[in-house]
């Protein structure tokens, strides 16, 4: 048994040397692989960097971004313009509503005004009738003043050129006093409410 001891020691020493050599070669291979990987990564990074710094690519990207910025700016301008138009239109509608708020009431009172004028025109003479006429006239003038304060104005039509925006022709007549197309007689008064035609005048026009 003691005679085999030297051989056993030699075998152990040989195995130890072999393991050390294997470990050394393995470490060297891993180091070489790591170096190759690092080189590849560095090469890829350099390529990416070169690509990022390519003038043509940079110019293309700048042009793309500039196009987007211009498009967004135009959209913002159009949106602002649409909002301004909406605000102005809404403001005008609000002003018109306030300006012509009394249109319906004044329109309904016009027949009352017509009847007052007819009553005054048909009033006879005499002390009693004169007193009555004077009272009616005072009421009429008071009503007329209230309506004028709201912006109601009677149109002046006789002697004016016929205008379909303001006049409603019910008849054409011959006239020695006026040339053709002139209003010669007013059958029913026309009225303006501020700057708006409330009721066109019924007229006779020369031919």
N, C-alpha and C. Protein backbone atom coordinates (compact mmCIF):
# COMPACT_ATOMS: atom_id res chain seq x y z
N UNK A 1 0.84 -1.21 0.00
CA UNK A 1 0.00 0.00 0.00
C UNK A 1 0.85 1.23 0.00
N UNK A 2 1.91 1.27 0.72
CA UNK A 2 2.83 2.40 0.76
C UNK A 2 3.57 2.55 -0.54
N UNK A 3 3.74 1.42 -1.29
CA UNK A 3 4.44 1.49 -2.56
C UNK A 3 3.62 2.25 -3.58
N UNK A 4 2.29 2.23 -3.51
CA UNK A 4 1.42 2.93 -4.48
C UNK A 4 1.25 4.41 -4.15
N UNK A 5 1.71 4.84 -2.98
CA UNK A 5 1.52 6.23 -2.56
C UNK A 5 2.17 7.23 -3.50
N UNK A 6 3.42 7.04 -4.00
CA UNK A 6 4.04 8.01 -4.92
C UNK A 6 3.25 8.17 -6.19
N UNK A 7 2.70 7.01 -6.70
CA UNK A 7 1.91 7.09 -7.93
C UNK A 7 0.63 7.91 -7.71
N UNK A 8 0.06 7.68 -6.55
CA UNK A 8 -1.18 8.43 -6.25
C UNK A 8 -0.90 9.91 -6.16
N UNK A 9 0.19 10.28 -5.58
CA UNK A 9 0.54 11.71 -5.46
C UNK A 9 0.81 12.32 -6.81
N UNK A 10 1.49 11.55 -7.64
CA UNK A 10 1.77 12.07 -9.00
C UNK A 10 0.50 12.28 -9.79
N UNK A 11 -0.46 11.35 -9.64
CA UNK A 11 -1.72 11.45 -10.36
C UNK A 11 -2.50 12.69 -9.90
N UNK A 12 -2.48 12.91 -8.58
CA UNK A 12 -3.21 14.09 -8.07
C UNK A 12 -2.59 15.38 -8.56
N UNK A 13 -1.27 15.37 -8.59
CA UNK A 13 -0.57 16.59 -9.04
C UNK A 13 -0.86 16.84 -10.52
N UNK A 14 -0.94 15.76 -11.31
CA UNK A 14 -1.22 15.91 -12.75
C UNK A 14 -2.63 16.44 -12.97
N UNK A 15 -3.57 15.90 -12.17
CA UNK A 15 -4.97 16.38 -12.32
C UNK A 15 -5.09 17.84 -11.94
N UNK A 16 -4.36 18.23 -10.93
CA UNK A 16 -4.41 19.63 -10.48
C UNK A 16 -3.86 20.56 -11.56
N UNK A 17 -2.75 20.13 -12.17
CA UNK A 17 -2.17 20.95 -13.24
C UNK A 17 -3.12 21.06 -14.44
N UNK A 18 -3.76 19.92 -14.74
CA UNK A 18 -4.71 19.92 -15.89
C UNK A 18 -5.88 20.86 -15.63
N UNK A 19 -6.40 20.80 -14.40
CA UNK A 19 -7.53 21.68 -14.07
C UNK A 19 -7.13 23.15 -14.13
N UNK A 20 -5.94 23.45 -13.70
CA UNK A 20 -5.47 24.84 -13.75
C UNK A 20 -5.34 25.33 -15.19
N UNK A 21 -4.83 24.44 -16.06
CA UNK A 21 -4.69 24.83 -17.47
C UNK A 21 -6.06 25.05 -18.12
N UNK A 22 -6.99 24.14 -17.79
CA UNK A 22 -8.35 24.28 -18.35
C UNK A 22 -8.98 25.58 -17.90
N UNK A 23 -8.85 25.89 -16.59
CA UNK A 23 -9.43 27.14 -16.07
C UNK A 23 -8.80 28.35 -16.71
N UNK A 24 -7.50 28.26 -16.96
CA UNK A 24 -6.79 29.39 -17.56
C UNK A 24 -7.27 29.63 -18.99
N UNK A 25 -7.39 28.50 -19.74
CA UNK A 25 -7.87 28.63 -21.13
C UNK A 25 -9.32 29.13 -21.17
N UNK A 26 -10.13 28.68 -20.21
CA UNK A 26 -11.54 29.12 -20.17
C UNK A 26 -11.64 30.62 -19.88
N UNK A 27 -10.82 31.09 -18.94
CA UNK A 27 -10.83 32.52 -18.60
C UNK A 27 -10.36 33.35 -19.78
N UNK A 28 -9.36 32.84 -20.49
CA UNK A 28 -8.84 33.57 -21.66
C UNK A 28 -9.90 33.65 -22.76
N UNK A 29 -10.62 32.54 -22.97
CA UNK A 29 -11.67 32.52 -24.00
C UNK A 29 -12.79 33.49 -23.66
N UNK A 30 -13.16 33.52 -22.36
CA UNK A 30 -14.23 34.44 -21.95
C UNK A 30 -13.80 35.88 -22.12
N UNK A 31 -12.52 36.14 -21.80
CA UNK A 31 -12.01 37.51 -21.96
C UNK A 31 -12.02 37.92 -23.42
N UNK A 32 -11.61 36.97 -24.30
CA UNK A 32 -11.61 37.28 -25.74
C UNK A 32 -13.02 37.54 -26.25
N UNK A 33 -14.01 36.73 -25.76
CA UNK A 33 -15.40 36.90 -26.19
C UNK A 33 -15.95 38.23 -25.72
N UNK A 34 -15.59 38.60 -24.47
CA UNK A 34 -16.06 39.89 -23.95
C UNK A 34 -15.48 41.03 -24.76
N UNK A 35 -14.21 40.90 -25.13
CA UNK A 35 -13.59 41.96 -25.94
C UNK A 35 -14.25 42.09 -27.29
N UNK A 36 -14.58 40.92 -27.91
CA UNK A 36 -15.25 40.96 -29.21
C UNK A 36 -16.63 41.62 -29.11
N UNK A 37 -17.36 41.28 -28.01
CA UNK A 37 -18.70 41.87 -27.81
C UNK A 37 -18.60 43.38 -27.63
N UNK A 38 -17.61 43.79 -26.84
CA UNK A 38 -17.43 45.23 -26.62
C UNK A 38 -17.07 45.93 -27.91
N UNK A 39 -16.26 45.25 -28.73
CA UNK A 39 -15.88 45.85 -30.02
C UNK A 39 -17.09 45.99 -30.93
N UNK A 40 -17.94 44.92 -30.92
CA UNK A 40 -19.15 44.99 -31.74
C UNK A 40 -20.06 46.11 -31.28
N UNK A 41 -20.24 46.21 -29.93
CA UNK A 41 -21.09 47.29 -29.40
C UNK A 41 -20.54 48.65 -29.76
N UNK A 42 -19.21 48.78 -29.66
CA UNK A 42 -18.60 50.07 -30.00
C UNK A 42 -18.78 50.39 -31.47
N UNK A 43 -18.68 49.34 -32.30
CA UNK A 43 -18.86 49.55 -33.75
C UNK A 43 -20.29 49.98 -34.05
N UNK A 44 -21.26 49.28 -33.38
CA UNK A 44 -22.66 49.64 -33.60
C UNK A 44 -22.94 51.05 -33.12
N UNK A 45 -22.36 51.42 -31.94
CA UNK A 45 -22.55 52.77 -31.42
C UNK A 45 -21.97 53.82 -32.35
N UNK A 46 -20.80 53.51 -32.90
CA UNK A 46 -20.18 54.45 -33.83
C UNK A 46 -21.01 54.60 -35.09
N UNK A 47 -21.56 53.47 -35.59
CA UNK A 47 -22.40 53.51 -36.79
C UNK A 47 -23.65 54.32 -36.54
N UNK A 48 -24.28 54.09 -35.35
CA UNK A 48 -25.49 54.84 -35.02
C UNK A 48 -25.19 56.32 -34.89
N UNK A 49 -24.04 56.61 -34.28
CA UNK A 49 -23.65 58.01 -34.11
C UNK A 49 -23.40 58.67 -35.45
N UNK A 50 -22.74 57.91 -36.33
CA UNK A 50 -22.48 58.45 -37.67
C UNK A 50 -23.77 58.69 -38.43
N UNK A 51 -24.72 57.72 -38.24
CA UNK A 51 -26.01 57.88 -38.91
C UNK A 51 -26.76 59.09 -38.37
N UNK A 52 -26.71 59.29 -37.02
CA UNK A 52 -27.40 60.42 -36.41
C UNK A 52 -26.81 61.75 -36.85
N UNK A 53 -25.53 61.75 -37.11
CA UNK A 53 -24.85 62.99 -37.49
C UNK A 53 -24.84 63.21 -39.00
N UNK A 54 -25.54 62.31 -39.74
CA UNK A 54 -25.56 62.45 -41.19
C UNK A 54 -26.29 63.74 -41.58
N UNK A 55 -25.67 64.66 -42.30
CA UNK A 55 -26.29 65.95 -42.63
C UNK A 55 -27.61 65.80 -43.39
N UNK A 56 -27.67 64.87 -44.32
CA UNK A 56 -28.89 64.69 -45.10
C UNK A 56 -30.05 64.26 -44.21
N UNK A 57 -29.74 63.33 -43.29
CA UNK A 57 -30.79 62.86 -42.37
C UNK A 57 -31.24 63.97 -41.44
N UNK A 58 -30.28 64.76 -40.94
CA UNK A 58 -30.63 65.88 -40.07
C UNK A 58 -31.49 66.90 -40.80
N UNK A 59 -31.14 67.21 -42.04
CA UNK A 59 -31.91 68.18 -42.82
C UNK A 59 -33.32 67.69 -43.05
N UNK A 60 -33.45 66.40 -43.38
CA UNK A 60 -34.77 65.82 -43.61
C UNK A 60 -35.63 65.89 -42.35
N UNK A 61 -35.02 65.61 -41.19
CA UNK A 61 -35.76 65.65 -39.93
C UNK A 61 -36.18 67.07 -39.58
N UNK A 62 -35.29 68.03 -39.82
CA UNK A 62 -35.62 69.43 -39.56
C UNK A 62 -36.77 69.88 -40.44
N UNK A 63 -36.74 69.50 -41.72
CA UNK A 63 -37.82 69.88 -42.64
C UNK A 63 -39.14 69.26 -42.22
N UNK A 64 -39.09 68.00 -41.75
CA UNK A 64 -40.32 67.34 -41.29
C UNK A 64 -40.91 68.06 -40.08
N UNK A 65 -40.05 68.39 -39.12
CA UNK A 65 -40.52 69.09 -37.92
C UNK A 65 -41.02 70.49 -38.23
N UNK A 66 -40.35 71.16 -39.19
CA UNK A 66 -40.79 72.50 -39.58
C UNK A 66 -42.17 72.44 -40.25
N UNK A 67 -42.37 71.39 -41.05
CA UNK A 67 -43.68 71.21 -41.69
C UNK A 67 -44.78 71.01 -40.66
N UNK A 68 -44.49 70.20 -39.64
CA UNK A 68 -45.48 69.99 -38.58
C UNK A 68 -45.77 71.28 -37.83
N UNK A 69 -44.71 72.04 -37.55
CA UNK A 69 -44.91 73.31 -36.84
C UNK A 69 -45.75 74.27 -37.66
N UNK A 70 -45.51 74.35 -38.97
CA UNK A 70 -46.29 75.24 -39.85
C UNK A 70 -47.75 74.80 -39.89
N UNK A 71 -47.97 73.49 -39.96
CA UNK A 71 -49.34 72.97 -40.01
C UNK A 71 -50.10 73.31 -38.73
N UNK A 72 -49.45 73.12 -37.58
CA UNK A 72 -50.09 73.45 -36.31
C UNK A 72 -50.36 74.95 -36.19
N UNK A 73 -49.45 75.75 -36.72
CA UNK A 73 -49.64 77.21 -36.66
C UNK A 73 -50.83 77.63 -37.50
N UNK A 74 -50.97 77.05 -38.70
CA UNK A 74 -52.11 77.39 -39.57
C UNK A 74 -53.43 76.95 -38.94
N UNK A 75 -53.40 75.79 -38.29
CA UNK A 75 -54.62 75.34 -37.61
C UNK A 75 -55.00 76.29 -36.49
N UNK A 76 -54.00 76.73 -35.74
CA UNK A 76 -54.26 77.67 -34.65
C UNK A 76 -54.81 78.99 -35.17
N UNK A 77 -54.28 79.46 -36.30
CA UNK A 77 -54.75 80.73 -36.88
C UNK A 77 -56.19 80.58 -37.34
N UNK A 78 -56.51 79.46 -38.01
CA UNK A 78 -57.89 79.25 -38.48
C UNK A 78 -58.86 79.14 -37.31
N UNK A 79 -58.44 78.44 -36.27
CA UNK A 79 -59.30 78.30 -35.09
C UNK A 79 -59.57 79.65 -34.44
N UNK A 80 -58.53 80.47 -34.35
CA UNK A 80 -58.68 81.81 -33.76
C UNK A 80 -59.61 82.67 -34.62
N UNK A 81 -59.46 82.57 -35.95
CA UNK A 81 -60.32 83.35 -36.86
C UNK A 81 -61.78 82.91 -36.73
N UNK A 82 -62.01 81.59 -36.66
CA UNK A 82 -63.38 81.08 -36.50
C UNK A 82 -63.98 81.57 -35.18
N UNK A 83 -63.18 81.57 -34.14
CA UNK A 83 -63.68 82.03 -32.84
C UNK A 83 -64.01 83.52 -32.87
N UNK A 84 -63.14 84.32 -33.53
CA UNK A 84 -63.40 85.76 -33.62
C UNK A 84 -64.69 86.03 -34.40
N UNK A 85 -64.90 85.30 -35.50
CA UNK A 85 -66.12 85.48 -36.30
C UNK A 85 -67.35 85.09 -35.49
N UNK A 86 -67.24 84.00 -34.75
CA UNK A 86 -68.36 83.57 -33.91
C UNK A 86 -68.67 84.61 -32.84
N UNK A 87 -67.62 85.15 -32.23
CA UNK A 87 -67.81 86.16 -31.17
C UNK A 87 -68.47 87.41 -31.74
N UNK A 88 -68.01 87.88 -32.92
CA UNK A 88 -68.59 89.07 -33.54
C UNK A 88 -70.04 88.83 -33.93
N UNK A 89 -70.31 87.64 -34.50
CA UNK A 89 -71.68 87.34 -34.92
C UNK A 89 -72.61 87.28 -33.72
N UNK A 90 -72.13 86.65 -32.65
CA UNK A 90 -72.94 86.56 -31.44
C UNK A 90 -73.19 87.94 -30.83
N UNK A 91 -72.17 88.79 -30.85
CA UNK A 91 -72.32 90.14 -30.31
C UNK A 91 -73.33 90.94 -31.11
N UNK A 92 -73.27 90.80 -32.47
CA UNK A 92 -74.21 91.54 -33.32
C UNK A 92 -75.64 91.04 -33.11
N UNK A 93 -75.81 89.73 -32.99
CA UNK A 93 -77.14 89.19 -32.73
C UNK A 93 -77.69 89.69 -31.40
N UNK A 94 -76.81 89.78 -30.42
CA UNK A 94 -77.23 90.29 -29.11
C UNK A 94 -77.63 91.75 -29.20
N UNK A 95 -76.85 92.55 -29.93
CA UNK A 95 -77.16 93.97 -30.09
C UNK A 95 -78.47 94.15 -30.86
N UNK A 96 -78.68 93.35 -31.93
CA UNK A 96 -79.91 93.44 -32.71
C UNK A 96 -81.12 93.07 -31.87
N UNK A 97 -80.94 92.04 -31.03
CA UNK A 97 -82.06 91.63 -30.17
C UNK A 97 -82.47 92.75 -29.23
N UNK A 98 -81.48 93.43 -28.66
CA UNK A 98 -81.79 94.54 -27.76
C UNK A 98 -82.35 95.73 -28.53
N UNK A 99 -81.80 95.95 -29.74
CA UNK A 99 -82.21 97.10 -30.54
C UNK A 99 -83.64 96.98 -31.03
N UNK A 100 -84.03 95.77 -31.42
CA UNK A 100 -85.36 95.58 -31.99
C UNK A 100 -86.28 94.76 -31.08
N UNK A 101 -86.04 94.85 -29.78
CA UNK A 101 -86.85 94.08 -28.82
C UNK A 101 -88.32 94.49 -28.86
N UNK A 102 -88.59 95.74 -29.23
CA UNK A 102 -89.98 96.25 -29.24
C UNK A 102 -90.67 96.07 -30.58
N UNK A 103 -90.05 95.36 -31.52
CA UNK A 103 -90.62 95.23 -32.87
C UNK A 103 -92.03 94.67 -32.86
N UNK A 104 -92.24 93.59 -32.13
CA UNK A 104 -93.57 92.94 -32.12
C UNK A 104 -94.63 93.88 -31.56
N UNK A 105 -94.33 94.53 -30.46
CA UNK A 105 -95.31 95.42 -29.84
C UNK A 105 -95.64 96.60 -30.76
N UNK A 106 -94.61 97.22 -31.32
CA UNK A 106 -94.84 98.38 -32.18
C UNK A 106 -95.64 97.98 -33.42
N UNK A 107 -95.33 96.81 -33.98
CA UNK A 107 -96.07 96.33 -35.16
C UNK A 107 -97.55 96.16 -34.85
N UNK A 108 -97.85 95.63 -33.67
CA UNK A 108 -99.25 95.43 -33.29
C UNK A 108 -99.96 96.75 -33.01
N UNK A 109 -99.21 97.79 -32.68
CA UNK A 109 -99.83 99.09 -32.40
C UNK A 109 -100.07 99.92 -33.65
N UNK A 110 -99.46 99.54 -34.75
CA UNK A 110 -99.63 100.34 -35.98
C UNK A 110 -101.09 100.45 -36.44
N UNK A 111 -101.88 99.38 -36.40
CA UNK A 111 -103.30 99.54 -36.75
C UNK A 111 -104.03 100.53 -35.84
N UNK A 112 -103.64 100.60 -34.57
CA UNK A 112 -104.23 101.58 -33.66
C UNK A 112 -103.90 103.00 -34.13
N UNK A 113 -102.68 103.20 -34.53
CA UNK A 113 -102.26 104.50 -35.06
C UNK A 113 -103.07 104.84 -36.31
N UNK A 114 -103.23 103.85 -37.18
CA UNK A 114 -104.02 104.08 -38.41
C UNK A 114 -105.44 104.51 -38.08
N UNK A 115 -106.05 103.85 -37.12
CA UNK A 115 -107.43 104.19 -36.77
C UNK A 115 -107.54 105.56 -36.12
N UNK A 116 -106.54 105.93 -35.34
CA UNK A 116 -106.54 107.28 -34.78
C UNK A 116 -106.50 108.31 -35.90
N UNK A 117 -105.67 108.09 -36.86
CA UNK A 117 -105.56 109.06 -37.97
C UNK A 117 -106.84 109.13 -38.78
N UNK A 118 -107.48 107.98 -38.98
CA UNK A 118 -108.74 107.98 -39.72
C UNK A 118 -109.83 108.71 -38.93
N UNK A 119 -109.86 108.49 -37.63
CA UNK A 119 -110.86 109.16 -36.79
C UNK A 119 -110.66 110.67 -36.81
N UNK A 120 -109.40 111.11 -36.74
CA UNK A 120 -109.13 112.54 -36.76
C UNK A 120 -109.48 113.15 -38.11
N UNK A 121 -109.22 112.40 -39.19
CA UNK A 121 -109.51 112.91 -40.53
C UNK A 121 -111.02 113.00 -40.77
N UNK A 122 -111.77 112.09 -40.14
CA UNK A 122 -113.23 112.06 -40.36
C UNK A 122 -114.00 112.91 -39.37
N UNK A 123 -113.32 113.51 -38.40
CA UNK A 123 -114.02 114.30 -37.38
C UNK A 123 -114.67 115.51 -38.00
N UNK A 124 -115.91 115.77 -37.59
CA UNK A 124 -116.64 116.92 -38.12
C UNK A 124 -116.32 118.20 -37.34
N UNK A 125 -117.02 119.24 -37.68
CA UNK A 125 -116.82 120.52 -37.01
C UNK A 125 -117.94 120.75 -36.00
N UNK A 126 -117.77 121.71 -35.15
CA UNK A 126 -118.74 122.02 -34.11
C UNK A 126 -118.03 122.03 -32.77
N UNK A 127 -118.62 122.75 -31.83
CA UNK A 127 -117.95 122.94 -30.56
C UNK A 127 -117.74 121.61 -29.82
N UNK A 128 -118.80 120.82 -29.78
CA UNK A 128 -118.68 119.54 -29.07
C UNK A 128 -117.71 118.60 -29.80
N UNK A 129 -117.86 118.53 -31.12
CA UNK A 129 -116.98 117.66 -31.90
C UNK A 129 -115.55 118.15 -31.85
N UNK A 130 -115.40 119.47 -31.83
CA UNK A 130 -114.04 120.03 -31.78
C UNK A 130 -113.35 119.64 -30.47
N UNK A 131 -114.08 119.67 -29.36
CA UNK A 131 -113.51 119.28 -28.07
C UNK A 131 -113.14 117.80 -28.07
N UNK A 132 -114.03 116.98 -28.66
CA UNK A 132 -113.76 115.55 -28.74
C UNK A 132 -112.53 115.28 -29.60
N UNK A 133 -112.49 115.98 -30.73
CA UNK A 133 -111.36 115.80 -31.66
C UNK A 133 -110.05 116.22 -31.00
N UNK A 134 -110.10 117.27 -30.24
CA UNK A 134 -108.90 117.74 -29.56
C UNK A 134 -108.41 116.71 -28.55
N UNK A 135 -109.33 116.09 -27.82
CA UNK A 135 -108.96 115.06 -26.85
C UNK A 135 -108.34 113.85 -27.53
N UNK A 136 -108.98 113.42 -28.62
CA UNK A 136 -108.44 112.27 -29.37
C UNK A 136 -107.06 112.59 -29.92
N UNK A 137 -106.92 113.84 -30.41
CA UNK A 137 -105.63 114.26 -30.97
C UNK A 137 -104.53 114.23 -29.91
N UNK A 138 -104.87 114.66 -28.71
CA UNK A 138 -103.88 114.64 -27.63
C UNK A 138 -103.45 113.21 -27.30
N UNK A 139 -104.43 112.29 -27.27
CA UNK A 139 -104.10 110.88 -26.99
C UNK A 139 -103.21 110.33 -28.11
N UNK A 140 -103.57 110.67 -29.33
CA UNK A 140 -102.80 110.18 -30.48
C UNK A 140 -101.36 110.71 -30.43
N UNK A 141 -101.19 111.99 -30.14
CA UNK A 141 -99.85 112.57 -30.09
C UNK A 141 -99.02 111.92 -28.97
N UNK A 142 -99.71 111.60 -27.87
CA UNK A 142 -99.01 110.95 -26.77
C UNK A 142 -98.54 109.55 -27.18
N UNK A 143 -99.42 108.82 -27.83
CA UNK A 143 -99.05 107.49 -28.33
C UNK A 143 -97.93 107.59 -29.36
N UNK A 144 -98.05 108.56 -30.23
CA UNK A 144 -97.05 108.77 -31.27
C UNK A 144 -95.67 109.08 -30.65
N UNK A 145 -95.68 109.88 -29.58
CA UNK A 145 -94.43 110.22 -28.91
C UNK A 145 -93.77 109.00 -28.28
N UNK A 146 -94.61 108.13 -27.68
CA UNK A 146 -94.07 106.90 -27.08
C UNK A 146 -93.42 106.02 -28.15
N UNK A 147 -94.10 105.90 -29.30
CA UNK A 147 -93.58 105.05 -30.38
C UNK A 147 -92.32 105.65 -30.99
N UNK A 148 -92.29 106.96 -31.12
CA UNK A 148 -91.09 107.60 -31.65
C UNK A 148 -89.90 107.42 -30.71
N UNK A 149 -90.17 107.40 -29.42
CA UNK A 149 -89.10 107.17 -28.46
C UNK A 149 -88.51 105.77 -28.62
N UNK A 150 -89.31 104.84 -29.14
CA UNK A 150 -88.83 103.48 -29.39
C UNK A 150 -88.12 103.37 -30.75
N UNK A 151 -88.11 104.48 -31.50
CA UNK A 151 -87.40 104.47 -32.79
C UNK A 151 -88.31 104.40 -33.99
N UNK A 152 -89.63 104.53 -33.79
CA UNK A 152 -90.56 104.46 -34.91
C UNK A 152 -90.61 105.79 -35.65
N UNK A 153 -90.46 105.72 -36.97
CA UNK A 153 -90.54 106.92 -37.80
C UNK A 153 -91.37 106.62 -39.05
N UNK A 154 -92.29 107.54 -39.37
CA UNK A 154 -93.09 107.39 -40.59
C UNK A 154 -92.23 107.72 -41.80
N UNK A 155 -92.44 106.98 -42.89
CA UNK A 155 -91.70 107.23 -44.13
C UNK A 155 -92.27 108.43 -44.86
N UNK A 156 -91.41 109.15 -45.53
CA UNK A 156 -91.83 110.20 -46.46
C UNK A 156 -91.81 109.58 -47.84
N UNK A 157 -92.96 109.47 -48.49
CA UNK A 157 -93.02 108.70 -49.73
C UNK A 157 -93.41 109.52 -50.96
N UNK A 158 -94.38 110.41 -50.83
CA UNK A 158 -94.88 111.15 -52.00
C UNK A 158 -93.77 112.02 -52.59
N UNK A 159 -93.59 111.87 -53.91
CA UNK A 159 -92.56 112.63 -54.60
C UNK A 159 -91.21 111.91 -54.64
N UNK A 160 -91.12 110.76 -53.95
CA UNK A 160 -89.88 109.99 -53.93
C UNK A 160 -89.90 108.91 -55.03
N UNK A 161 -88.74 108.56 -55.58
CA UNK A 161 -88.69 107.46 -56.55
C UNK A 161 -89.15 106.16 -55.91
N UNK A 162 -89.89 105.38 -56.68
CA UNK A 162 -90.38 104.11 -56.15
C UNK A 162 -89.20 103.20 -55.80
N UNK A 163 -89.23 102.64 -54.60
CA UNK A 163 -88.19 101.72 -54.12
C UNK A 163 -88.88 100.52 -53.50
N UNK A 164 -88.73 99.34 -54.12
CA UNK A 164 -89.44 98.16 -53.61
C UNK A 164 -89.02 97.75 -52.20
N UNK A 165 -87.91 98.26 -51.73
CA UNK A 165 -87.51 97.94 -50.36
C UNK A 165 -88.36 98.68 -49.33
N UNK A 166 -88.90 99.83 -49.75
CA UNK A 166 -89.67 100.68 -48.83
C UNK A 166 -91.14 100.83 -49.24
N UNK A 167 -91.44 100.57 -50.50
CA UNK A 167 -92.79 100.84 -51.03
C UNK A 167 -93.43 99.57 -51.57
N UNK A 168 -94.75 99.50 -51.39
CA UNK A 168 -95.54 98.43 -51.98
C UNK A 168 -96.53 99.07 -52.94
N UNK A 169 -96.27 98.92 -54.24
CA UNK A 169 -97.11 99.57 -55.25
C UNK A 169 -98.41 98.79 -55.42
N UNK A 170 -99.53 99.48 -55.29
CA UNK A 170 -100.82 98.82 -55.48
C UNK A 170 -101.48 99.26 -56.77
N UNK A 171 -100.91 100.31 -57.39
CA UNK A 171 -101.52 100.82 -58.62
C UNK A 171 -100.53 101.74 -59.34
N UNK A 172 -100.64 101.77 -60.68
CA UNK A 172 -99.90 102.73 -61.48
C UNK A 172 -100.90 103.69 -62.11
N UNK A 173 -100.59 104.98 -62.00
CA UNK A 173 -101.52 106.00 -62.50
C UNK A 173 -100.75 107.00 -63.36
N UNK A 174 -101.48 107.65 -64.25
CA UNK A 174 -100.88 108.70 -65.06
C UNK A 174 -100.78 109.98 -64.24
N UNK A 175 -99.71 110.73 -64.45
CA UNK A 175 -99.51 111.95 -63.67
C UNK A 175 -98.86 113.01 -64.54
N UNK A 176 -99.43 114.21 -64.46
CA UNK A 176 -98.83 115.34 -65.15
C UNK A 176 -97.79 116.03 -64.28
N UNK A 177 -97.87 115.77 -62.98
CA UNK A 177 -96.98 116.45 -62.03
C UNK A 177 -95.65 115.72 -61.87
N UNK A 178 -95.69 114.37 -61.95
CA UNK A 178 -94.49 113.59 -61.70
C UNK A 178 -94.11 112.78 -62.94
N UNK A 179 -92.83 112.57 -63.07
CA UNK A 179 -92.35 111.71 -64.15
C UNK A 179 -92.58 110.25 -63.78
N UNK A 180 -92.27 109.36 -64.69
CA UNK A 180 -92.53 107.94 -64.49
C UNK A 180 -91.70 107.38 -63.33
N UNK A 181 -92.33 106.49 -62.54
CA UNK A 181 -91.64 105.80 -61.47
C UNK A 181 -91.56 106.57 -60.17
N UNK A 182 -92.41 107.61 -60.02
CA UNK A 182 -92.42 108.42 -58.80
C UNK A 182 -93.70 108.12 -58.02
N UNK A 183 -93.58 108.08 -56.71
CA UNK A 183 -94.75 107.86 -55.85
C UNK A 183 -95.61 109.13 -55.87
N UNK A 184 -96.86 108.96 -56.28
CA UNK A 184 -97.74 110.12 -56.40
C UNK A 184 -98.77 110.20 -55.27
N UNK A 185 -99.03 109.06 -54.62
CA UNK A 185 -100.03 109.06 -53.55
C UNK A 185 -99.70 107.94 -52.55
N UNK A 186 -99.93 108.24 -51.29
CA UNK A 186 -99.71 107.26 -50.24
C UNK A 186 -101.06 106.78 -49.74
N UNK A 187 -101.32 105.46 -49.90
CA UNK A 187 -102.58 104.86 -49.47
C UNK A 187 -102.51 104.46 -48.00
N UNK A 188 -101.37 103.93 -47.58
CA UNK A 188 -101.15 103.57 -46.18
C UNK A 188 -99.69 103.88 -45.83
N UNK A 189 -99.51 104.51 -44.69
CA UNK A 189 -98.17 104.93 -44.29
C UNK A 189 -97.24 103.72 -44.09
N UNK A 190 -95.98 103.98 -44.42
CA UNK A 190 -94.95 103.00 -44.12
C UNK A 190 -94.13 103.49 -42.93
N UNK A 191 -93.54 102.55 -42.21
CA UNK A 191 -92.80 102.93 -41.00
C UNK A 191 -91.43 102.24 -40.95
N UNK A 192 -90.48 102.97 -40.37
CA UNK A 192 -89.15 102.44 -40.07
C UNK A 192 -89.02 102.32 -38.56
N UNK A 193 -88.42 101.23 -38.10
CA UNK A 193 -88.07 101.10 -36.69
C UNK A 193 -86.55 101.16 -36.63
N UNK A 194 -86.06 102.32 -36.20
CA UNK A 194 -84.63 102.63 -36.27
C UNK A 194 -84.19 102.56 -37.73
N UNK A 195 -83.30 101.62 -38.08
CA UNK A 195 -82.86 101.55 -39.48
C UNK A 195 -83.44 100.34 -40.21
N UNK A 196 -84.55 99.81 -39.70
CA UNK A 196 -85.17 98.63 -40.27
C UNK A 196 -86.58 98.94 -40.75
N UNK A 197 -86.94 98.40 -41.94
CA UNK A 197 -88.30 98.60 -42.46
C UNK A 197 -89.25 97.76 -41.62
N UNK A 198 -90.16 98.45 -40.93
CA UNK A 198 -91.15 97.74 -40.11
C UNK A 198 -92.38 97.40 -40.94
N UNK A 199 -92.79 98.36 -41.78
CA UNK A 199 -93.92 98.13 -42.68
C UNK A 199 -93.75 99.00 -43.92
N UNK A 200 -93.72 98.38 -45.10
CA UNK A 200 -93.59 99.19 -46.32
C UNK A 200 -94.86 100.02 -46.56
N UNK A 201 -94.68 101.14 -47.21
CA UNK A 201 -95.82 102.01 -47.50
C UNK A 201 -96.58 101.51 -48.73
N UNK A 202 -97.91 101.55 -48.65
CA UNK A 202 -98.74 101.23 -49.83
C UNK A 202 -98.91 102.51 -50.64
N UNK A 203 -98.50 102.46 -51.90
CA UNK A 203 -98.46 103.68 -52.69
C UNK A 203 -98.99 103.48 -54.11
N UNK A 204 -99.28 104.60 -54.74
CA UNK A 204 -99.59 104.64 -56.16
C UNK A 204 -98.39 105.26 -56.87
N UNK A 205 -98.04 104.70 -58.03
CA UNK A 205 -96.83 105.11 -58.73
C UNK A 205 -97.20 105.64 -60.10
N UNK A 206 -96.50 106.71 -60.51
CA UNK A 206 -96.75 107.30 -61.83
C UNK A 206 -96.22 106.39 -62.92
N UNK A 207 -96.93 106.45 -64.10
CA UNK A 207 -96.53 105.61 -65.23
C UNK A 207 -96.27 106.47 -66.47
